[in-house]
Amino acid sequence: MAMQLAWLLPAPYALTSDELSFQVHCARLDQSADLASHLLATFASKPRACLRASPLVKTHGWGLHHDAQGRVAAVAVESPKYRLLALRYHKSAA
């Protein structure tokens, strides 16, 4: 969770969920994602839980927002930005 936030908070909407998951995977293996292209095939071959199932969302009070290109940002659920995004979502779903 801390690694996910380390990438999401300073650069919202810079990565897709898959890119973020791969960055975290490489960091855990102490590999640069740029140098670890050989890891991508192995990483992609295994099923993984969606980022929405992460402890980041389930237990630590963060929401996720994806832009039109599928890039993700973490938003604190108690923040005004989260309330605004939730309101927009509910209006568009109605």
PDB file of N, CA and C in Angstrom:
ATOM      1  N   MET A   1       0.811  -1.182   0.000  1.00  0.00           N
ATOM      2  CA  MET A   1       0.000   0.000   0.000  1.00  0.00           C
ATOM      3  C   MET A   1       0.861   1.255   0.000  1.00  0.00           C
ATOM      4  N   ALA A   2       1.896   1.297   0.815  1.00  0.00           N
ATOM      5  CA  ALA A   2       2.758   2.477   0.884  1.00  0.00           C
ATOM      6  C   ALA A   2       3.444   2.732  -0.452  1.00  0.00           C
ATOM      7  N   MET A   3       3.832   1.668  -1.135  1.00  0.00           N
ATOM      8  CA  MET A   3       4.474   1.836  -2.442  1.00  0.00           C
ATOM      9  C   MET A   3       3.491   2.392  -3.467  1.00  0.00           C
ATOM     10  N   GLN A   4       2.252   1.916  -3.413  1.00  0.00           N
ATOM     11  CA  GLN A   4       1.247   2.439  -4.339  1.00  0.00           C
ATOM     12  C   GLN A   4       1.070   3.940  -4.131  1.00  0.00           C
ATOM     13  N   LEU A   5       0.938   4.338  -2.881  1.00  0.00           N
ATOM     14  CA  LEU A   5       0.777   5.765  -2.595  1.00  0.00           C
ATOM     15  C   LEU A   5       2.004   6.572  -2.986  1.00  0.00           C
ATOM     16  N   ALA A   6       3.185   5.975  -2.844  1.00  0.00           N
ATOM     17  CA  ALA A   6       4.416   6.681  -3.201  1.00  0.00           C
ATOM     18  C   ALA A   6       4.432   7.070  -4.675  1.00  0.00           C
ATOM     19  N   TRP A   7       3.781   6.285  -5.521  1.00  0.00           N
ATOM     20  CA  TRP A   7       3.699   6.639  -6.943  1.00  0.00           C
ATOM     21  C   TRP A   7       2.462   7.469  -7.252  1.00  0.00           C
ATOM     22  N   LEU A   8       1.361   7.210  -6.585  1.00  0.00           N
ATOM     23  CA  LEU A   8       0.107   7.889  -6.929  1.00  0.00           C
ATOM     24  C   LEU A   8       0.026   9.331  -6.435  1.00  0.00           C
ATOM     25  N   LEU A   9       0.453   9.589  -5.219  1.00  0.00           N
ATOM     26  CA  LEU A   9       0.255  10.926  -4.657  1.00  0.00           C
ATOM     27  C   LEU A   9       1.065  12.017  -5.347  1.00  0.00           C
ATOM     28  N   PRO A  10       2.355  11.830  -5.619  1.00  0.00           N
ATOM     29  CA  PRO A  10       3.096  12.913  -6.258  1.00  0.00           C
ATOM     30  C   PRO A  10       2.782  13.083  -7.747  1.00  0.00           C
ATOM     31  N   ALA A  11       2.224  12.050  -8.374  1.00  0.00           N
ATOM     32  CA  ALA A  11       1.968  12.123  -9.817  1.00  0.00           C
ATOM     33  C   ALA A  11       0.622  11.494 -10.158  1.00  0.00           C
ATOM     34  N   PRO A  12      -0.472  12.146  -9.753  1.00  0.00           N
ATOM     35  CA  PRO A  12      -1.784  11.580 -10.075  1.00  0.00           C
ATOM     36  C   PRO A  12      -1.981  11.497 -11.588  1.00  0.00           C
ATOM     37  N   TYR A  13      -2.636  10.445 -12.001  1.00  0.00           N
ATOM     38  CA  TYR A  13      -2.966  10.207 -13.409  1.00  0.00           C
ATOM     39  C   TYR A  13      -1.736  10.013 -14.296  1.00  0.00           C
ATOM     40  N   ALA A  14      -0.626   9.589 -13.708  1.00  0.00           N
ATOM     41  CA  ALA A  14       0.576   9.324 -14.499  1.00  0.00           C
ATOM     42  C   ALA A  14       0.630   7.870 -14.972  1.00  0.00           C
ATOM     43  N   LEU A  15      -0.012   6.964 -14.242  1.00  0.00           N
ATOM     44  CA  LEU A  15       0.070   5.537 -14.542  1.00  0.00           C
ATOM     45  C   LEU A  15      -1.319   4.908 -14.599  1.00  0.00           C
ATOM     46  N   THR A  16      -1.440   3.848 -15.380  1.00  0.00           N
ATOM     47  CA  THR A  16      -2.653   3.042 -15.329  1.00  0.00           C
ATOM     48  C   THR A  16      -2.530   2.095 -14.133  1.00  0.00           C
ATOM     49  N   SER A  17      -3.601   1.419 -13.794  1.00  0.00           N
ATOM     50  CA  SER A  17      -3.561   0.453 -12.694  1.00  0.00           C
ATOM     51  C   SER A  17      -2.534  -0.640 -12.959  1.00  0.00           C
ATOM     52  N   ASP A  18      -2.501  -1.129 -14.199  1.00  0.00           N
ATOM     53  CA  ASP A  18      -1.539  -2.185 -14.546  1.00  0.00           C
ATOM     54  C   ASP A  18      -0.106  -1.677 -14.439  1.00  0.00           C
ATOM     55  N   GLU A  19       0.141  -0.467 -14.909  1.00  0.00           N
ATOM     56  CA  GLU A  19       1.488   0.100 -14.819  1.00  0.00           C
ATOM     57  C   GLU A  19       1.903   0.283 -13.369  1.00  0.00           C
ATOM     58  N   LEU A  20       0.982   0.749 -12.550  1.00  0.00           N
ATOM     59  CA  LEU A  20       1.265   0.921 -11.127  1.00  0.00           C
ATOM     60  C   LEU A  20       1.590  -0.421 -10.473  1.00  0.00           C
ATOM     61  N   SER A  21       0.788  -1.429 -10.761  1.00  0.00           N
ATOM     62  CA  SER A  21       1.032  -2.753 -10.189  1.00  0.00           C
ATOM     63  C   SER A  21       2.393  -3.288 -10.608  1.00  0.00           C
ATOM     64  N   PHE A  22       2.774  -3.057 -11.851  1.00  0.00           N
ATOM     65  CA  PHE A  22       4.081  -3.516 -12.326  1.00  0.00           C
ATOM     66  C   PHE A  22       5.212  -2.739 -11.652  1.00  0.00           C
ATOM     67  N   GLN A  23       5.043  -1.439 -11.466  1.00  0.00           N
ATOM     68  CA  GLN A  23       6.062  -0.636 -10.770  1.00  0.00           C
ATOM     69  C   GLN A  23       6.282  -1.174  -9.357  1.00  0.00           C
ATOM     70  N   VAL A  24       5.195  -1.465  -8.659  1.00  0.00           N
ATOM     71  CA  VAL A  24       5.290  -1.986  -7.296  1.00  0.00           C
ATOM     72  C   VAL A  24       5.958  -3.364  -7.307  1.00  0.00           C
ATOM     73  N   HIS A  25       5.588  -4.188  -8.262  1.00  0.00           N
ATOM     74  CA  HIS A  25       6.192  -5.522  -8.397  1.00  0.00           C
ATOM     75  C   HIS A  25       7.709  -5.396  -8.575  1.00  0.00           C
ATOM     76  N   CYS A  26       8.135  -4.515  -9.460  1.00  0.00           N
ATOM     77  CA  CYS A  26       9.576  -4.320  -9.702  1.00  0.00           C
ATOM     78  C   CYS A  26      10.276  -3.774  -8.462  1.00  0.00           C
ATOM     79  N   ALA A  27       9.638  -2.859  -7.777  1.00  0.00           N
ATOM     80  CA  ALA A  27      10.243  -2.285  -6.565  1.00  0.00           C
ATOM     81  C   ALA A  27      10.428  -3.358  -5.497  1.00  0.00           C
ATOM     82  N   ARG A  28       9.457  -4.225  -5.376  1.00  0.00           N
ATOM     83  CA  ARG A  28       9.570  -5.310  -4.388  1.00  0.00           C
ATOM     84  C   ARG A  28      10.712  -6.263  -4.731  1.00  0.00           C
ATOM     85  N   LEU A  29      10.986  -6.407  -6.022  1.00  0.00           N
ATOM     86  CA  LEU A  29      12.095  -7.260  -6.450  1.00  0.00           C
ATOM     87  C   LEU A  29      13.409  -6.487  -6.553  1.00  0.00           C
ATOM     88  N   ASP A  30      13.357  -5.190  -6.195  1.00  0.00           N
ATOM     89  CA  ASP A  30      14.521  -4.310  -6.263  1.00  0.00           C
ATOM     90  C   ASP A  30      15.055  -4.205  -7.695  1.00  0.00           C
ATOM     91  N   GLN A  31      14.138  -4.070  -8.642  1.00  0.00           N
ATOM     92  CA  GLN A  31      14.480  -3.932 -10.053  1.00  0.00           C
ATOM     93  C   GLN A  31      13.877  -2.643 -10.587  1.00  0.00           C
ATOM     94  N   SER A  32      14.593  -1.971 -11.446  1.00  0.00           N
ATOM     95  CA  SER A  32      14.039  -0.815 -12.136  1.00  0.00           C
ATOM     96  C   SER A  32      13.067  -1.326 -13.194  1.00  0.00           C
ATOM     97  N   ALA A  33      11.909  -0.724 -13.296  1.00  0.00           N
ATOM     98  CA  ALA A  33      10.926  -1.147 -14.300  1.00  0.00           C
ATOM     99  C   ALA A  33      11.493  -0.951 -15.702  1.00  0.00           C
ATOM    100  N   ASP A  34      12.333   0.060 -15.904  1.00  0.00           N
ATOM    101  CA  ASP A  34      12.937   0.288 -17.212  1.00  0.00           C
ATOM    102  C   ASP A  34      13.880  -0.845 -17.587  1.00  0.00           C
ATOM    103  N   LEU A  35      14.570  -1.397 -16.605  1.00  0.00           N
ATOM    104  CA  LEU A  35      15.535  -2.461 -16.859  1.00  0.00           C
ATOM    105  C   LEU A  35      14.923  -3.848 -16.733  1.00  0.00           C
ATOM    106  N   ALA A  36      13.696  -3.924 -16.312  1.00  0.00           N
ATOM    107  CA  ALA A  36      13.087  -5.208 -15.992  1.00  0.00           C
ATOM    108  C   ALA A  36      12.045  -5.635 -17.011  1.00  0.00           C
ATOM    109  N   SER A  37      12.237  -5.284 -18.267  1.00  0.00           N
ATOM    110  CA  SER A  37      11.243  -5.656 -19.273  1.00  0.00           C
ATOM    111  C   SER A  37      11.067  -7.165 -19.352  1.00  0.00           C
ATOM    112  N   HIS A  38      12.096  -7.924 -19.002  1.00  0.00           N
ATOM    113  CA  HIS A  38      11.973  -9.381 -18.997  1.00  0.00           C
ATOM    114  C   HIS A  38      11.012  -9.853 -17.894  1.00  0.00           C
ATOM    115  N   LEU A  39      10.811  -9.020 -16.875  1.00  0.00           N
ATOM    116  CA  LEU A  39       9.873  -9.375 -15.807  1.00  0.00           C
ATOM    117  C   LEU A  39       8.414  -9.198 -16.225  1.00  0.00           C
ATOM    118  N   LEU A  40       8.209  -8.371 -17.231  1.00  0.00           N
ATOM    119  CA  LEU A  40       6.838  -8.054 -17.636  1.00  0.00           C
ATOM    120  C   LEU A  40       6.075  -9.292 -18.090  1.00  0.00           C
ATOM    121  N   ALA A  41       6.710 -10.144 -18.863  1.00  0.00           N
ATOM    122  CA  ALA A  41       6.019 -11.343 -19.335  1.00  0.00           C
ATOM    123  C   ALA A  41       5.608 -12.236 -18.167  1.00  0.00           C
ATOM    124  N   THR A  42       6.494 -12.398 -17.210  1.00  0.00           N
ATOM    125  CA  THR A  42       6.183 -13.206 -16.032  1.00  0.00           C
ATOM    126  C   THR A  42       5.078 -12.546 -15.214  1.00  0.00           C
ATOM    127  N   PHE A  43       5.185 -11.240 -15.033  1.00  0.00           N
ATOM    128  CA  PHE A  43       4.193 -10.494 -14.265  1.00  0.00           C
ATOM    129  C   PHE A  43       2.817 -10.599 -14.923  1.00  0.00           C
ATOM    130  N   ALA A  44       2.784 -10.402 -16.223  1.00  0.00           N
ATOM    131  CA  ALA A  44       1.505 -10.392 -16.941  1.00  0.00           C
ATOM    132  C   ALA A  44       0.876 -11.780 -17.043  1.00  0.00           C
ATOM    133  N   SER A  45       1.669 -12.826 -16.876  1.00  0.00           N
ATOM    134  CA  SER A  45       1.133 -14.179 -17.036  1.00  0.00           C
ATOM    135  C   SER A  45       0.350 -14.664 -15.821  1.00  0.00           C
ATOM    136  N   LYS A  46       0.468 -13.978 -14.699  1.00  0.00           N
ATOM    137  CA  LYS A  46      -0.215 -14.393 -13.478  1.00  0.00           C
ATOM    138  C   LYS A  46      -1.425 -13.504 -13.212  1.00  0.00           C
ATOM    139  N   PRO A  47      -2.561 -14.106 -12.867  1.00  0.00           N
ATOM    140  CA  PRO A  47      -3.725 -13.273 -12.540  1.00  0.00           C
ATOM    141  C   PRO A  47      -3.469 -12.479 -11.255  1.00  0.00           C
ATOM    142  N   ARG A  48      -3.940 -11.260 -11.240  1.00  0.00           N
ATOM    143  CA  ARG A  48      -3.745 -10.389 -10.086  1.00  0.00           C
ATOM    144  C   ARG A  48      -5.075  -9.722  -9.729  1.00  0.00           C
ATOM    145  N   ALA A  49      -5.215  -9.434  -8.467  1.00  0.00           N
ATOM    146  CA  ALA A  49      -6.414  -8.720  -8.018  1.00  0.00           C
ATOM    147  C   ALA A  49      -6.401  -7.298  -8.569  1.00  0.00           C
ATOM    148  N   CYS A  50      -7.559  -6.798  -8.820  1.00  0.00           N
ATOM    149  CA  CYS A  50      -7.727  -5.428  -9.279  1.00  0.00           C
ATOM    150  C   CYS A  50      -7.263  -4.473  -8.183  1.00  0.00           C
ATOM    151  N   LEU A  51      -6.781  -3.324  -8.574  1.00  0.00           N
ATOM    152  CA  LEU A  51      -6.329  -2.323  -7.614  1.00  0.00           C
ATOM    153  C   LEU A  51      -7.449  -1.921  -6.650  1.00  0.00           C
ATOM    154  N   ARG A  52      -8.686  -2.034  -7.089  1.00  0.00           N
ATOM    155  CA  ARG A  52      -9.820  -1.699  -6.211  1.00  0.00           C
ATOM    156  C   ARG A  52      -9.934  -2.644  -5.028  1.00  0.00           C
ATOM    157  N   ALA A  53      -9.290  -3.819  -5.109  1.00  0.00           N
ATOM    158  CA  ALA A  53      -9.296  -4.781  -4.012  1.00  0.00           C
ATOM    159  C   ALA A  53      -8.115  -4.586  -3.065  1.00  0.00           C
ATOM    160  N   SER A  54      -7.312  -3.588  -3.335  1.00  0.00           N
ATOM    161  CA  SER A  54      -6.123  -3.304  -2.536  1.00  0.00           C
ATOM    162  C   SER A  54      -6.490  -2.819  -1.138  1.00  0.00           C
ATOM    163  N   PRO A  55      -5.639  -3.083  -0.147  1.00  0.00           N
ATOM    164  CA  PRO A  55      -5.856  -2.511   1.186  1.00  0.00           C
ATOM    165  C   PRO A  55      -5.916  -0.980   1.153  1.00  0.00           C
ATOM    166  N   LEU A  56      -5.292  -0.390   0.163  1.00  0.00           N
ATOM    167  CA  LEU A  56      -5.346   1.056  -0.028  1.00  0.00           C
ATOM    168  C   LEU A  56      -6.796   1.529  -0.041  1.00  0.00           C
ATOM    169  N   VAL A  57      -7.644   0.790  -0.719  1.00  0.00           N
ATOM    170  CA  VAL A  57      -9.062   1.134  -0.859  1.00  0.00           C
ATOM    171  C   VAL A  57      -9.901   0.481   0.235  1.00  0.00           C
ATOM    172  N   LYS A  58      -9.659  -0.787   0.481  1.00  0.00           N
ATOM    173  CA  LYS A  58     -10.512  -1.554   1.386  1.00  0.00           C
ATOM    174  C   LYS A  58     -10.397  -1.140   2.848  1.00  0.00           C
ATOM    175  N   THR A  59      -9.214  -0.768   3.300  1.00  0.00           N
ATOM    176  CA  THR A  59      -9.038  -0.520   4.736  1.00  0.00           C
ATOM    177  C   THR A  59      -8.344   0.777   5.104  1.00  0.00           C
ATOM    178  N   HIS A  60      -7.757   1.478   4.138  1.00  0.00           N
ATOM    179  CA  HIS A  60      -6.950   2.645   4.499  1.00  0.00           C
ATOM    180  C   HIS A  60      -7.522   3.991   4.063  1.00  0.00           C
ATOM    181  N   GLY A  61      -8.756   4.027   3.598  1.00  0.00           N
ATOM    182  CA  GLY A  61      -9.434   5.299   3.364  1.00  0.00           C
ATOM    183  C   GLY A  61      -9.053   6.058   2.110  1.00  0.00           C
ATOM    184  N   TRP A  62      -8.682   5.334   1.072  1.00  0.00           N
ATOM    185  CA  TRP A  62      -8.383   5.987  -0.194  1.00  0.00           C
ATOM    186  C   TRP A  62      -9.377   5.530  -1.242  1.00  0.00           C
ATOM    187  N   GLY A  63      -9.750   6.456  -2.080  1.00  0.00           N
ATOM    188  CA  GLY A  63     -10.554   6.122  -3.242  1.00  0.00           C
ATOM    189  C   GLY A  63      -9.675   6.215  -4.469  1.00  0.00           C
ATOM    190  N   LEU A  64     -10.100   5.606  -5.536  1.00  0.00           N
ATOM    191  CA  LEU A  64      -9.359   5.661  -6.794  1.00  0.00           C
ATOM    192  C   LEU A  64     -10.217   6.325  -7.846  1.00  0.00           C
ATOM    193  N   HIS A  65      -9.600   7.167  -8.627  1.00  0.00           N
ATOM    194  CA  HIS A  65     -10.294   7.793  -9.741  1.00  0.00           C
ATOM    195  C   HIS A  65      -9.469   7.557 -10.994  1.00  0.00           C
ATOM    196  N   HIS A  66     -10.145   7.104 -12.045  1.00  0.00           N
ATOM    197  CA  HIS A  66      -9.482   6.856 -13.321  1.00  0.00           C
ATOM    198  C   HIS A  66      -9.934   7.911 -14.318  1.00  0.00           C
ATOM    199  N   ASP A  67      -8.985   8.438 -15.081  1.00  0.00           N
ATOM    200  CA  ASP A  67      -9.351   9.405 -16.114  1.00  0.00           C
ATOM    201  C   ASP A  67      -9.783   8.672 -17.379  1.00  0.00           C
ATOM    202  N   ALA A  68     -10.074   9.416 -18.430  1.00  0.00           N
ATOM    203  CA  ALA A  68     -10.582   8.828 -19.669  1.00  0.00           C
ATOM    204  C   ALA A  68      -9.575   7.892 -20.337  1.00  0.00           C
ATOM    205  N   GLN A  69      -8.288   8.056 -20.038  1.00  0.00           N
ATOM    206  CA  GLN A  69      -7.247   7.199 -20.608  1.00  0.00           C
ATOM    207  C   GLN A  69      -6.917   6.007 -19.700  1.00  0.00           C
ATOM    208  N   GLY A  70      -7.641   5.871 -18.596  1.00  0.00           N
ATOM    209  CA  GLY A  70      -7.432   4.741 -17.697  1.00  0.00           C
ATOM    210  C   GLY A  70      -6.324   4.947 -16.679  1.00  0.00           C
ATOM    211  N   ARG A  71      -5.802   6.158 -16.595  1.00  0.00           N
ATOM    212  CA  ARG A  71      -4.765   6.441 -15.600  1.00  0.00           C
ATOM    213  C   ARG A  71      -5.439   6.719 -14.267  1.00  0.00           C
ATOM    214  N   VAL A  72      -4.738   6.415 -13.190  1.00  0.00           N
ATOM    215  CA  VAL A  72      -5.356   6.402 -11.867  1.00  0.00           C
ATOM    216  C   VAL A  72      -4.752   7.448 -10.936  1.00  0.00           C
ATOM    217  N   ALA A  73      -5.587   7.928 -10.018  1.00  0.00           N
ATOM    218  CA  ALA A  73      -5.154   8.826  -8.947  1.00  0.00           C
ATOM    219  C   ALA A  73      -5.775   8.337  -7.648  1.00  0.00           C
ATOM    220  N   ALA A  74      -5.053   8.514  -6.559  1.00  0.00           N
ATOM    221  CA  ALA A  74      -5.585   8.195  -5.229  1.00  0.00           C
ATOM    222  C   ALA A  74      -6.184   9.470  -4.646  1.00  0.00           C
ATOM    223  N   VAL A  75      -7.367   9.329  -4.067  1.00  0.00           N
ATOM    224  CA  VAL A  75      -8.067  10.475  -3.479  1.00  0.00           C
ATOM    225  C   VAL A  75      -8.543  10.072  -2.087  1.00  0.00           C
ATOM    226  N   ALA A  76      -8.177  10.847  -1.087  1.00  0.00           N
ATOM    227  CA  ALA A  76      -8.615  10.560   0.282  1.00  0.00           C
ATOM    228  C   ALA A  76     -10.140  10.655   0.350  1.00  0.00           C
ATOM    229  N   VAL A  77     -10.791   9.637   0.927  1.00  0.00           N
ATOM    230  CA  VAL A  77     -12.255   9.605   0.919  1.00  0.00           C
ATOM    231  C   VAL A  77     -12.883  10.719   1.751  1.00  0.00           C
ATOM    232  N   GLU A  78     -12.155  11.297   2.682  1.00  0.00           N
ATOM    233  CA  GLU A  78     -12.726  12.383   3.476  1.00  0.00           C
ATOM    234  C   GLU A  78     -12.484  13.758   2.844  1.00  0.00           C
ATOM    235  N   SER A  79     -11.872  13.798   1.674  1.00  0.00           N
ATOM    236  CA  SER A  79     -11.523  15.074   1.042  1.00  0.00           C
ATOM    237  C   SER A  79     -12.683  15.660   0.236  1.00  0.00           C
ATOM    238  N   PRO A  80     -12.675  16.978   0.051  1.00  0.00           N
ATOM    239  CA  PRO A  80     -13.679  17.610  -0.805  1.00  0.00           C
ATOM    240  C   PRO A  80     -13.603  17.101  -2.249  1.00  0.00           C
ATOM    241  N   LYS A  81     -12.398  16.816  -2.721  1.00  0.00           N
ATOM    242  CA  LYS A  81     -12.253  16.310  -4.089  1.00  0.00           C
ATOM    243  C   LYS A  81     -12.989  14.980  -4.253  1.00  0.00           C
ATOM    244  N   TYR A  82     -12.887  14.106  -3.269  1.00  0.00           N
ATOM    245  CA  TYR A  82     -13.577  12.815  -3.336  1.00  0.00           C
ATOM    246  C   TYR A  82     -15.088  13.034  -3.390  1.00  0.00           C
ATOM    247  N   ARG A  83     -15.592  13.920  -2.534  1.00  0.00           N
ATOM    248  CA  ARG A  83     -17.038  14.201  -2.526  1.00  0.00           C
ATOM    249  C   ARG A  83     -17.493  14.735  -3.883  1.00  0.00           C
ATOM    250  N   LEU A  84     -16.694  15.607  -4.492  1.00  0.00           N
ATOM    251  CA  LEU A  84     -17.032  16.157  -5.800  1.00  0.00           C
ATOM    252  C   LEU A  84     -17.031  15.063  -6.864  1.00  0.00           C
ATOM    253  N   LEU A  85     -16.016  14.207  -6.861  1.00  0.00           N
ATOM    254  CA  LEU A  85     -15.955  13.116  -7.830  1.00  0.00           C
ATOM    255  C   LEU A  85     -17.114  12.149  -7.640  1.00  0.00           C
ATOM    256  N   ALA A  86     -17.448  11.840  -6.395  1.00  0.00           N
ATOM    257  CA  ALA A  86     -18.565  10.931  -6.117  1.00  0.00           C
ATOM    258  C   ALA A  86     -19.884  11.544  -6.584  1.00  0.00           C
ATOM    259  N   LEU A  87     -20.067  12.836  -6.359  1.00  0.00           N
ATOM    260  CA  LEU A  87     -21.279  13.520  -6.795  1.00  0.00           C
ATOM    261  C   LEU A  87     -21.400  13.496  -8.321  1.00  0.00           C
ATOM    262  N   ARG A  88     -20.288  13.763  -9.007  1.00  0.00           N
ATOM    263  CA  ARG A  88     -20.300  13.715 -10.478  1.00  0.00           C
ATOM    264  C   ARG A  88     -20.644  12.319 -10.974  1.00  0.00           C
ATOM    265  N   TYR A  89     -20.079  11.300 -10.325  1.00  0.00           N
ATOM    266  CA  TYR A  89     -20.336   9.925 -10.736  1.00  0.00           C
ATOM    267  C   TYR A  89     -21.816   9.588 -10.565  1.00  0.00           C
ATOM    268  N   HIS A  90     -22.378   9.941  -9.428  1.00  0.00           N
ATOM    269  CA  HIS A  90     -23.769   9.600  -9.166  1.00  0.00           C
ATOM    270  C   HIS A  90     -24.726  10.355 -10.109  1.00  0.00           C
ATOM    271  N   LYS A  91     -24.365  11.592 -10.464  1.00  0.00           N
ATOM    272  CA  LYS A  91     -25.194  12.332 -11.408  1.00  0.00           C
ATOM    273  C   LYS A  91     -25.134  11.713 -12.789  1.00  0.00           C
ATOM    274  N   SER A  92     -23.948  11.276 -13.201  1.00  0.00           N
ATOM    275  CA  SER A  92     -23.810  10.690 -14.543  1.00  0.00           C
ATOM    276  C   SER A  92     -24.420   9.300 -14.617  1.00  0.00           C
ATOM    277  N   ALA A  93     -24.486   8.591 -13.495  1.00  0.00           N
ATOM    278  CA  ALA A  93     -25.070   7.246 -13.466  1.00  0.00           C
ATOM    279  C   ALA A  93     -26.594   7.286 -13.439  1.00  0.00           C
ATOM    280  N   ALA A  94     -27.146   8.429 -13.064  1.00  0.00           N
ATOM    281  CA  ALA A  94     -28.612   8.538 -12.955  1.00  0.00           C
ATOM    282  C   ALA A  94     -29.294   8.697 -14.294  1.00  0.00           C
TER     283      ALA A  94
END
